[in-house]
Amino acid sequence: MNLPTINEILEVPLVKGLITKLNRGEVVSTALLVLGELALQTKESALDMSLPTVTEVADRIADKLLQNEPARLVPTINATGRLFPPELGSAPLASQAINVMTDLAKDYAAMGRPVGKWDNAQLLRSVESLINQLAGAESVMPVNSATAGWFLVLHALNKRTEQDRTAPVAISRGQLFELPSGSRIVDILQESGCSILEMGSVNRTTVDDFSALPENVRAFLYIYSAAEKESGRIQPTIAEMSKIAKLRKIPLIVDIGLSGLIGGKDAVSASSALTDGADVVIMRSGSLFGGPVCGVILGRKAFIDQCRSDLLAKATLCSPYILAALEQTLLLYSQPDRGVNSIPVEQILHFSEANLANRAQRIQKQIAVSDWVDSAQTEIVEQSTIDNQWLSIKLPTCRVVVKPKGMTPAELSKRLTRGAPAVLGTAAEDVLILDMRTVLPSQDIALVEAFIR
């Protein structure tokens, strides 16, 4: 028995994926180096040494290539069953949003006929008009991130109440947690020059706590998280907070976490927050809404106009490509099916049990013959929570449960994340779980091919 040849190694799907991810010259030179090391070990060892298979050699090549390789963005199949796992970035975009960004990025871009200075105003008006139709917002301002939106809103609030900038903003102690971006709201408030008045306790804050506030409070802040309901923590509703804010004639600023623009699978949305009386809402487009990564400030025209005229506004501007993708996503929501057939996040939320079961069974049969798999079976879960503290969405799902052959689930998971595309599943005690709820139908073939590398 001989060592695999370089040509045999280059035909292994894992190595082909490395060539795609890196470059052919680097992969070939590393493969030759590994073969040389193995040949030397074979020569120096006993004659009965078992030679590695072509797959094992490919693994060694991948280890050597990737051990010092800087992290790079790679396309990834999300088989975790969670919409927004912390290991991944935002959810996939609709093809219409991708296409408009590609078309704009490959050439110079102009708004209508290229006359005069470039101006995003027309595109912004279109975005504002669409959000007004869908969510009933008086005014809208897209920003490059929700964190930037927070800084802009608080900076504008400081200008609005410049006569008493030492006056605090009030927030429930139970809502002083990290935002989805990882930023702590306490840090943002402090960096913005706002003093904080913490109300209630971590697990219980009531309307009465806010009713008894001192007169100089400048604003109420409210950060929505599904964890409040799941953990049994008691918090006032947005509508209850709005009544007190209106009596005091101060703004209620609401962050809706990873919730979307309009109602759906999650209890709170930008639209419902505005209906319940929020003056300003901060939304993440790359969330349940399914748009490009940016923030959107919605709300009362007077307050949004202050944000627009603030000097900090220019530092928070979105690129025209992001605005164009946001507009395309909004156009899909304005259609009768509300984007269910076009926006990947909406597709994931609306897959039927039959769809998931049929796809899982096909994939299970195909990957069961892989050299990496000892056995594979499907498992129906009647109700599964598909996200973290920000969204509590319970839906049925179907999983492919894979028992690896000759390796641990963590080792199989490592192999699957090396490819192009990578595959992210959930390694359990003795199996790897692939949850079909978050796998798009267009990814089914690539998911199977990942096991034949």
Protein backbone atom coordinates (compact mmCIF):
# COMPACT_ATOMS: atom_id res chain seq x y z
CA MET A 1 0.00 0.00 0.00
CA ASN A 2 1.35 3.42 -0.98
CA LEU A 3 0.67 6.96 0.10
CA PRO A 4 -1.98 8.82 -1.94
CA THR A 5 -0.66 10.74 -4.92
CA ILE A 6 -0.90 14.52 -5.19
CA ASN A 7 -3.52 14.14 -7.96
CA GLU A 8 -5.68 11.90 -5.75
CA ILE A 9 -5.46 14.41 -2.91
CA LEU A 10 -6.43 17.35 -5.11
CA GLU A 11 -9.62 15.49 -6.08
CA VAL A 12 -10.82 15.21 -2.46
CA PRO A 13 -13.77 17.65 -2.02
CA LEU A 14 -12.26 19.03 1.23
CA VAL A 15 -9.08 19.98 -0.65
CA LYS A 16 -11.10 21.43 -3.54
CA GLY A 17 -12.91 23.56 -0.98
CA LEU A 18 -9.57 24.76 0.42
CA ILE A 19 -8.46 25.75 -3.09
CA THR A 20 -11.66 27.78 -3.45
CA LYS A 21 -11.22 29.37 -0.03
CA LEU A 22 -7.45 30.06 -0.32
CA ASN A 23 -5.51 29.54 -3.58
CA ARG A 24 -4.30 26.55 -5.58
CA GLY A 25 -0.57 27.23 -5.27
CA GLU A 26 -0.68 27.43 -1.48
CA VAL A 27 -2.75 24.24 -1.19
CA VAL A 28 -0.53 22.26 -3.59
CA SER A 29 2.70 23.30 -1.86
CA THR A 30 1.24 22.38 1.57
CA ALA A 31 0.00 19.03 0.21
CA LEU A 32 3.46 18.22 -1.12
CA LEU A 33 4.99 19.18 2.24
CA VAL A 34 2.60 16.88 4.13
CA LEU A 35 3.26 14.01 1.69
CA GLY A 36 6.99 14.51 2.18
CA GLU A 37 6.64 14.40 5.96
CA LEU A 38 4.53 11.22 5.75
CA ALA A 39 7.01 9.56 3.38
CA LEU A 40 9.84 10.30 5.82
CA GLN A 41 7.83 8.95 8.77
CA THR A 42 7.02 5.79 6.80
CA LYS A 43 10.69 5.25 5.92
CA GLU A 44 11.85 5.70 9.52
CA SER A 45 9.09 3.64 11.14
CA ALA A 46 8.43 -0.08 11.27
CA LEU A 47 7.34 -1.80 8.09
CA ASP A 48 3.91 -2.59 9.51
CA MET A 49 2.98 1.09 10.00
CA SER A 50 -0.56 1.70 8.75
CA LEU A 51 -0.61 4.36 6.04
CA PRO A 52 -3.19 7.17 6.24
CA THR A 53 -6.07 7.17 3.79
CA VAL A 54 -6.51 9.96 1.26
CA THR A 55 -9.18 11.52 3.52
CA GLU A 56 -6.85 11.48 6.52
CA VAL A 57 -4.09 13.08 4.46
CA ALA A 58 -6.56 15.76 3.36
CA ASP A 59 -7.36 16.43 7.04
CA ARG A 60 -3.67 16.91 7.82
CA ILE A 61 -3.31 19.32 4.93
CA ALA A 62 -6.33 21.30 6.15
CA ASP A 63 -4.91 21.43 9.70
CA LYS A 64 -1.57 22.76 8.47
CA LEU A 65 -3.16 25.32 6.14
CA LEU A 66 -5.70 26.66 8.61
CA GLN A 67 -3.70 26.64 11.86
CA ASN A 68 -2.11 30.03 11.12
CA GLU A 69 -4.68 31.23 8.61
CA PRO A 70 -6.40 34.50 9.62
CA ALA A 71 -10.15 34.21 9.99
CA ARG A 72 -12.06 34.94 6.79
CA LEU A 73 -15.72 35.31 5.99
CA VAL A 74 -16.99 32.14 4.33
CA PRO A 75 -20.47 31.15 3.11
CA THR A 76 -22.06 28.96 5.78
CA ILE A 77 -25.05 26.63 5.91
CA ASN A 78 -26.81 27.27 9.20
CA ALA A 79 -28.06 23.90 10.47
CA THR A 80 -28.28 24.95 14.13
CA GLY A 81 -32.03 25.61 14.12
CA ARG A 82 -31.40 29.14 15.42
CA LEU A 83 -32.08 32.16 13.23
CA PHE A 84 -29.24 34.24 14.63
CA PRO A 85 -26.60 31.98 16.22
CA PRO A 86 -23.74 33.97 17.76
CA GLU A 87 -21.19 32.18 15.55
CA LEU A 88 -22.72 33.65 12.39
CA GLY A 89 -23.43 37.11 11.05
CA SER A 90 -26.79 38.27 9.78
CA ALA A 91 -29.28 36.06 7.97
CA PRO A 92 -29.21 35.68 4.14
CA LEU A 93 -30.70 38.46 2.03
CA ALA A 94 -33.40 38.20 -0.59
CA SER A 95 -32.01 37.70 -4.10
CA GLN A 96 -33.54 41.02 -5.18
CA ALA A 97 -31.55 42.85 -2.48
CA ILE A 98 -28.34 41.03 -3.45
CA ASN A 99 -28.86 41.77 -7.14
CA VAL A 100 -29.40 45.49 -6.66
CA MET A 101 -26.23 45.80 -4.55
CA THR A 102 -24.23 43.83 -7.13
CA ASP A 103 -25.56 45.93 -10.01
CA LEU A 104 -24.71 49.18 -8.21
CA ALA A 105 -21.29 48.07 -6.95
CA LYS A 106 -19.90 46.93 -10.31
CA ASP A 107 -20.38 50.39 -11.90
CA TYR A 108 -20.64 54.00 -10.87
CA ALA A 109 -24.08 54.67 -9.44
CA ALA A 110 -26.34 57.65 -10.09
CA MET A 111 -29.82 58.59 -8.89
CA GLY A 112 -31.92 58.89 -12.04
CA ARG A 113 -30.13 61.05 -14.60
CA PRO A 114 -26.63 61.92 -13.30
CA VAL A 115 -27.09 65.68 -13.04
CA GLY A 116 -25.59 67.68 -10.17
CA LYS A 117 -24.12 66.41 -6.90
CA TRP A 118 -24.78 62.83 -5.69
CA ASP A 119 -27.65 62.78 -3.22
CA ASN A 120 -29.34 59.90 -1.40
CA ALA A 121 -32.45 61.98 -0.78
CA GLN A 122 -34.65 60.29 -3.39
CA LEU A 123 -33.72 56.82 -2.18
CA LEU A 124 -34.31 57.87 1.44
CA ARG A 125 -37.74 59.24 0.51
CA SER A 126 -38.65 55.91 -1.10
CA VAL A 127 -37.54 53.99 2.02
CA GLU A 128 -39.46 56.37 4.27
CA SER A 129 -42.61 56.11 2.16
CA LEU A 130 -42.52 52.30 2.20
CA ILE A 131 -41.96 52.09 5.97
CA ASN A 132 -44.75 54.62 6.50
CA GLN A 133 -47.11 52.41 4.50
CA LEU A 134 -46.08 49.22 6.29
CA ALA A 135 -45.57 50.40 9.87
CA GLY A 136 -47.28 53.80 10.14
CA ALA A 137 -44.13 55.70 11.09
CA GLU A 138 -44.32 59.48 10.71
CA SER A 139 -40.64 59.68 9.81
CA VAL A 140 -37.72 57.32 9.24
CA MET A 141 -33.92 57.57 9.30
CA PRO A 142 -31.73 54.62 8.27
CA VAL A 143 -28.30 54.54 9.99
CA ASN A 144 -25.28 52.29 9.56
CA SER A 145 -26.00 50.30 12.74
CA ALA A 146 -28.45 50.21 15.63
CA THR A 147 -25.64 51.19 18.00
CA ALA A 148 -24.97 54.26 15.85
CA GLY A 149 -28.70 54.93 16.02
CA TRP A 150 -28.59 54.89 19.82
CA PHE A 151 -25.71 57.38 19.91
CA LEU A 152 -27.50 59.66 17.44
CA VAL A 153 -30.83 59.54 19.30
CA LEU A 154 -29.17 60.28 22.66
CA HIS A 155 -27.04 63.06 21.16
CA ALA A 156 -30.17 64.64 19.71
CA LEU A 157 -31.88 64.23 23.10
CA ASN A 158 -29.00 66.10 24.74
CA LYS A 159 -29.44 68.97 22.26
CA ARG A 160 -33.20 68.94 22.82
CA THR A 161 -32.83 69.26 26.59
CA GLU A 162 -29.63 71.32 26.66
CA GLN A 163 -30.97 73.50 29.46
CA ASP A 164 -30.77 70.53 31.86
CA ARG A 165 -28.28 67.99 30.51
CA THR A 166 -27.66 66.66 34.01
CA ALA A 167 -31.23 65.39 34.18
CA PRO A 168 -31.34 61.58 33.95
CA VAL A 169 -33.01 59.16 31.55
CA ALA A 170 -35.00 56.38 33.23
CA ILE A 171 -34.79 52.68 32.40
CA SER A 172 -35.83 49.50 34.16
CA ARG A 173 -32.97 47.80 35.99
CA GLY A 174 -34.13 44.54 34.39
CA GLN A 175 -33.39 45.92 30.91
CA LEU A 176 -29.76 46.94 31.48
CA PHE A 177 -28.30 44.09 29.44
CA GLU A 178 -26.15 43.80 26.33
CA LEU A 179 -27.77 44.75 23.05
CA PRO A 180 -27.71 42.21 20.16
CA SER A 181 -24.51 43.87 18.88
CA GLY A 182 -22.74 43.10 22.15
CA SER A 183 -22.73 46.76 23.23
CA ARG A 184 -23.92 47.46 26.77
CA ILE A 185 -26.67 50.05 26.99
CA VAL A 186 -25.06 51.42 30.17
CA ASP A 187 -21.82 52.12 28.26
CA ILE A 188 -23.71 53.81 25.41
CA LEU A 189 -25.58 56.05 27.84
CA GLN A 190 -22.42 57.01 29.69
CA GLU A 191 -20.48 57.72 26.47
CA SER A 192 -23.41 59.87 25.32
CA GLY A 193 -23.20 62.00 28.46
CA CYS A 194 -26.53 60.76 29.85
CA SER A 195 -26.97 60.03 33.52
CA ILE A 196 -29.05 56.95 34.28
CA LEU A 197 -31.88 56.48 36.71
CA GLU A 198 -32.39 52.74 37.24
CA MET A 199 -35.92 51.75 38.17
CA GLY A 200 -37.27 48.70 39.99
CA SER A 201 -35.30 45.49 40.44
CA VAL A 202 -33.75 43.02 38.00
CA ASN A 203 -36.74 40.67 38.12
CA ARG A 204 -39.58 43.10 38.85
CA THR A 205 -40.31 46.63 37.65
CA THR A 206 -43.83 48.06 37.68
CA VAL A 207 -45.66 51.10 36.34
CA ASP A 208 -45.71 52.53 39.86
CA ASP A 209 -41.88 52.65 39.85
CA PHE A 210 -41.97 55.01 36.87
CA SER A 211 -44.93 57.02 38.16
CA ALA A 212 -42.91 58.03 41.23
CA LEU A 213 -39.98 59.48 39.25
CA PRO A 214 -38.57 62.97 39.90
CA GLU A 215 -39.85 65.73 37.61
CA ASN A 216 -36.53 66.34 35.81
CA VAL A 217 -36.35 62.97 34.02
CA ARG A 218 -35.70 63.65 30.31
CA ALA A 219 -36.83 60.42 28.67
CA PHE A 220 -37.96 56.84 29.25
CA LEU A 221 -35.95 54.04 27.63
CA TYR A 222 -37.43 50.61 26.95
CA ILE A 223 -35.47 47.63 25.59
CA TYR A 224 -37.56 44.67 24.47
CA SER A 225 -36.35 41.11 25.00
CA ALA A 226 -38.31 37.88 24.79
CA ALA A 227 -36.37 36.73 27.86
CA GLU A 228 -38.63 38.91 30.02
CA LYS A 229 -41.63 36.74 29.26
CA GLU A 230 -39.73 33.44 29.23
CA SER A 231 -37.97 34.03 32.56
CA GLY A 232 -41.04 35.34 34.36
CA ARG A 233 -39.54 38.78 34.91
CA ILE A 234 -42.17 41.49 35.33
CA GLN A 235 -41.85 44.66 33.23
CA PRO A 236 -44.34 47.38 32.26
CA THR A 237 -45.66 47.18 28.69
CA ILE A 238 -44.78 49.75 26.05
CA ALA A 239 -48.37 51.04 26.17
CA GLU A 240 -48.19 51.52 29.95
CA MET A 241 -44.87 53.36 29.66
CA SER A 242 -46.27 55.54 26.90
CA LYS A 243 -49.13 56.79 29.07
CA ILE A 244 -46.75 57.98 31.78
CA ALA A 245 -44.36 59.51 29.22
CA LYS A 246 -47.18 61.50 27.62
CA LEU A 247 -48.35 62.80 31.01
CA ARG A 248 -44.81 64.02 31.66
CA LYS A 249 -44.37 65.26 28.06
CA ILE A 250 -41.12 63.34 27.59
CA PRO A 251 -40.19 60.90 24.78
CA LEU A 252 -40.39 57.12 25.10
CA ILE A 253 -37.48 55.54 23.20
CA VAL A 254 -37.89 51.82 22.43
CA ASP A 255 -35.30 49.31 21.20
CA ILE A 256 -37.07 46.25 19.77
CA GLY A 257 -34.02 43.97 19.82
CA LEU A 258 -34.13 41.47 16.94
CA SER A 259 -37.86 41.91 16.25
CA GLY A 260 -39.03 42.96 12.80
CA LEU A 261 -40.88 45.84 11.18
CA ILE A 262 -44.38 44.43 11.17
CA GLY A 263 -46.19 41.81 13.25
CA GLY A 264 -45.67 38.13 12.69
CA LYS A 265 -44.20 35.30 14.69
CA ASP A 266 -42.86 37.56 17.41
CA ALA A 267 -45.05 39.51 19.82
CA VAL A 268 -43.37 42.92 19.40
CA SER A 269 -42.50 44.75 16.19
CA ALA A 270 -41.61 48.30 15.18
CA SER A 271 -45.19 48.77 13.99
CA SER A 272 -46.74 47.53 17.26
CA ALA A 273 -44.33 49.63 19.34
CA LEU A 274 -45.40 52.77 17.45
CA THR A 275 -49.07 51.80 17.80
CA ASP A 276 -48.55 51.35 21.55
CA GLY A 277 -47.24 54.90 21.82
CA ALA A 278 -43.45 54.81 21.39
CA ASP A 279 -42.08 58.15 20.19
CA VAL A 280 -38.87 56.69 18.79
CA VAL A 281 -38.15 53.06 17.81
CA ILE A 282 -34.71 51.64 17.03
CA MET A 283 -34.82 48.60 14.73
CA ARG A 284 -32.16 46.31 13.26
CA SER A 285 -32.72 45.66 9.58
CA GLY A 286 -30.55 42.51 9.63
CA SER A 287 -32.89 40.82 12.11
CA LEU A 288 -36.34 39.25 11.88
CA PHE A 289 -36.98 41.86 9.19
CA GLY A 290 -34.50 40.04 6.93
CA GLY A 291 -32.84 43.11 5.39
CA PRO A 292 -29.24 44.31 5.08
CA VAL A 293 -27.19 45.01 8.20
CA CYS A 294 -28.05 48.54 9.31
CA GLY A 295 -30.17 50.34 11.87
CA VAL A 296 -33.45 52.16 11.31
CA ILE A 297 -34.78 54.95 13.54
CA LEU A 298 -38.56 55.34 13.24
CA GLY A 299 -41.01 57.58 15.00
CA ARG A 300 -42.32 61.08 15.53
CA LYS A 301 -41.33 63.50 12.81
CA ALA A 302 -40.19 66.22 15.21
CA PHE A 303 -37.70 63.93 16.93
CA ILE A 304 -36.42 62.28 13.71
CA ASP A 305 -35.92 65.75 12.18
CA GLN A 306 -33.72 66.61 15.18
CA CYS A 307 -31.68 63.48 14.52
CA ARG A 308 -31.29 64.41 10.85
CA SER A 309 -30.07 67.93 11.67
CA ASP A 310 -27.62 66.71 14.32
CA LEU A 311 -23.92 66.99 13.45
CA LEU A 312 -23.49 63.32 14.35
CA ALA A 313 -25.95 62.33 11.60
CA LYS A 314 -23.31 62.41 8.85
CA ALA A 315 -21.21 59.87 10.76
CA THR A 316 -24.12 57.42 10.87
CA LEU A 317 -25.11 57.49 7.19
CA CYS A 318 -25.80 54.24 5.31
CA SER A 319 -24.04 53.51 2.05
CA PRO A 320 -26.21 53.76 -1.09
CA TYR A 321 -25.83 49.99 -1.59
CA ILE A 322 -27.36 49.27 1.83
CA LEU A 323 -30.16 51.77 1.20
CA ALA A 324 -30.93 50.16 -2.15
CA ALA A 325 -31.04 46.69 -0.55
CA LEU A 326 -33.26 48.03 2.23
CA GLU A 327 -35.62 49.50 -0.35
CA GLN A 328 -35.81 46.17 -2.23
CA THR A 329 -36.61 44.28 0.99
CA LEU A 330 -39.35 46.78 1.82
CA LEU A 331 -40.80 46.39 -1.68
CA LEU A 332 -41.05 42.64 -1.08
CA TYR A 333 -42.91 43.24 2.19
CA SER A 334 -45.34 45.51 0.35
CA GLN A 335 -46.41 42.60 -1.89
CA PRO A 336 -49.49 40.50 -1.02
CA ASP A 337 -47.45 37.52 0.30
CA ARG A 338 -45.44 39.86 2.58
CA GLY A 339 -42.16 38.50 1.24
CA VAL A 340 -42.84 34.94 2.46
CA ASN A 341 -41.68 33.49 -0.88
CA SER A 342 -38.67 35.77 -1.34
CA ILE A 343 -37.10 36.80 1.98
CA PRO A 344 -35.03 33.93 3.47
CA VAL A 345 -35.94 34.73 7.10
CA GLU A 346 -39.64 34.65 6.19
CA GLN A 347 -39.15 31.37 4.31
CA ILE A 348 -37.47 29.83 7.38
CA LEU A 349 -40.36 30.88 9.61
CA HIS A 350 -42.98 29.48 7.24
CA PHE A 351 -41.54 26.08 6.23
CA SER A 352 -44.26 23.47 6.75
CA GLU A 353 -43.67 20.32 8.81
CA ALA A 354 -44.13 18.23 5.64
CA ASN A 355 -41.52 20.29 3.76
CA LEU A 356 -38.96 19.87 6.55
CA ALA A 357 -39.66 16.14 6.98
CA ASN A 358 -39.36 15.38 3.25
CA ARG A 359 -36.10 17.28 2.90
CA ALA A 360 -34.66 15.76 6.07
CA GLN A 361 -35.45 12.21 4.88
CA ARG A 362 -33.78 12.81 1.50
CA ILE A 363 -30.66 14.26 3.12
CA GLN A 364 -30.52 11.51 5.76
CA LYS A 365 -30.48 8.78 3.07
CA GLN A 366 -27.76 10.53 1.06
CA ILE A 367 -25.36 11.30 3.89
CA ALA A 368 -25.80 7.86 5.51
CA VAL A 369 -23.41 6.41 2.87
CA SER A 370 -20.63 8.89 3.72
CA ASP A 371 -17.33 7.48 5.03
CA TRP A 372 -17.70 9.93 7.93
CA VAL A 373 -21.12 8.62 9.02
CA ASP A 374 -21.84 5.49 11.06
CA SER A 375 -25.60 6.08 10.99
CA ALA A 376 -28.11 8.86 10.32
CA GLN A 377 -31.75 9.17 11.21
CA THR A 378 -34.46 11.81 11.17
CA GLU A 379 -36.15 13.20 14.26
CA ILE A 380 -39.33 15.27 14.41
CA VAL A 381 -39.54 17.91 17.15
CA GLU A 382 -43.04 19.26 17.68
CA GLN A 383 -41.97 22.54 19.25
CA SER A 384 -38.49 24.00 19.22
CA THR A 385 -37.34 27.48 20.25
CA ILE A 386 -35.38 28.81 17.31
CA ASP A 387 -33.55 31.69 18.93
CA ASN A 388 -32.01 33.33 21.96
CA GLN A 389 -33.17 35.88 24.54
CA TRP A 390 -34.16 38.40 21.89
CA LEU A 391 -36.70 36.24 20.08
CA SER A 392 -38.78 33.44 21.52
CA ILE A 393 -40.25 31.72 18.48
CA LYS A 394 -41.45 28.16 18.94
CA LEU A 395 -41.98 26.14 15.78
CA PRO A 396 -41.99 22.45 14.80
CA THR A 397 -38.85 21.22 13.09
CA CYS A 398 -37.18 18.11 11.70
CA ARG A 399 -33.58 17.17 12.43
CA VAL A 400 -31.05 14.83 10.88
CA VAL A 401 -29.20 13.13 13.73
CA VAL A 402 -25.78 11.92 12.60
CA LYS A 403 -23.59 9.44 14.48
CA PRO A 404 -20.01 9.91 13.24
CA LYS A 405 -17.74 7.03 12.22
CA GLY A 406 -14.28 6.91 13.73
CA MET A 407 -14.43 10.39 15.20
CA THR A 408 -16.27 12.46 17.79
CA PRO A 409 -19.17 14.80 16.90
CA ALA A 410 -16.86 17.76 17.61
CA GLU A 411 -14.29 16.39 15.13
CA LEU A 412 -16.98 15.89 12.48
CA SER A 413 -18.24 19.41 13.14
CA LYS A 414 -14.70 20.72 12.65
CA ARG A 415 -14.42 18.96 9.29
CA LEU A 416 -17.74 20.39 8.15
CA THR A 417 -16.74 23.96 9.02
CA ARG A 418 -13.62 23.73 6.84
CA GLY A 419 -15.42 23.46 3.54
CA ALA A 420 -16.82 25.98 1.14
CA PRO A 421 -19.57 26.41 2.08
CA ALA A 422 -19.01 25.57 5.73
CA VAL A 423 -21.72 23.70 7.63
CA LEU A 424 -22.60 24.65 11.20
CA GLY A 425 -24.55 22.08 13.19
CA THR A 426 -24.85 21.26 16.89
CA ALA A 427 -22.43 18.72 18.40
CA ALA A 428 -24.11 16.72 21.19
CA GLU A 429 -22.66 13.96 23.38
CA ASP A 430 -22.36 11.29 20.68
CA VAL A 431 -24.17 12.74 17.66
CA LEU A 432 -24.14 15.80 15.40
CA ILE A 433 -27.56 17.41 14.95
CA LEU A 434 -28.55 19.14 11.71
CA ASP A 435 -31.75 21.14 12.17
CA MET A 436 -33.54 21.63 8.86
CA ARG A 437 -35.58 24.63 10.07
CA THR A 438 -32.75 27.04 9.24
CA VAL A 439 -31.44 25.27 6.12
CA LEU A 440 -32.74 26.81 2.90
CA PRO A 441 -33.89 24.41 0.14
CA SER A 442 -31.25 25.87 -2.19
CA GLN A 443 -28.59 24.61 0.28
CA ASP A 444 -29.74 20.97 0.45
CA ILE A 445 -27.35 19.70 -2.26
CA ALA A 446 -24.37 21.54 -0.77
CA LEU A 447 -25.22 20.11 2.66
CA VAL A 448 -25.06 16.56 1.28
CA GLU A 449 -21.86 17.28 -0.64
CA ALA A 450 -20.23 18.53 2.58
CA PHE A 451 -20.31 14.94 3.88
CA ILE A 452 -18.60 13.55 0.76
CA ARG A 453 -15.48 15.70 1.11
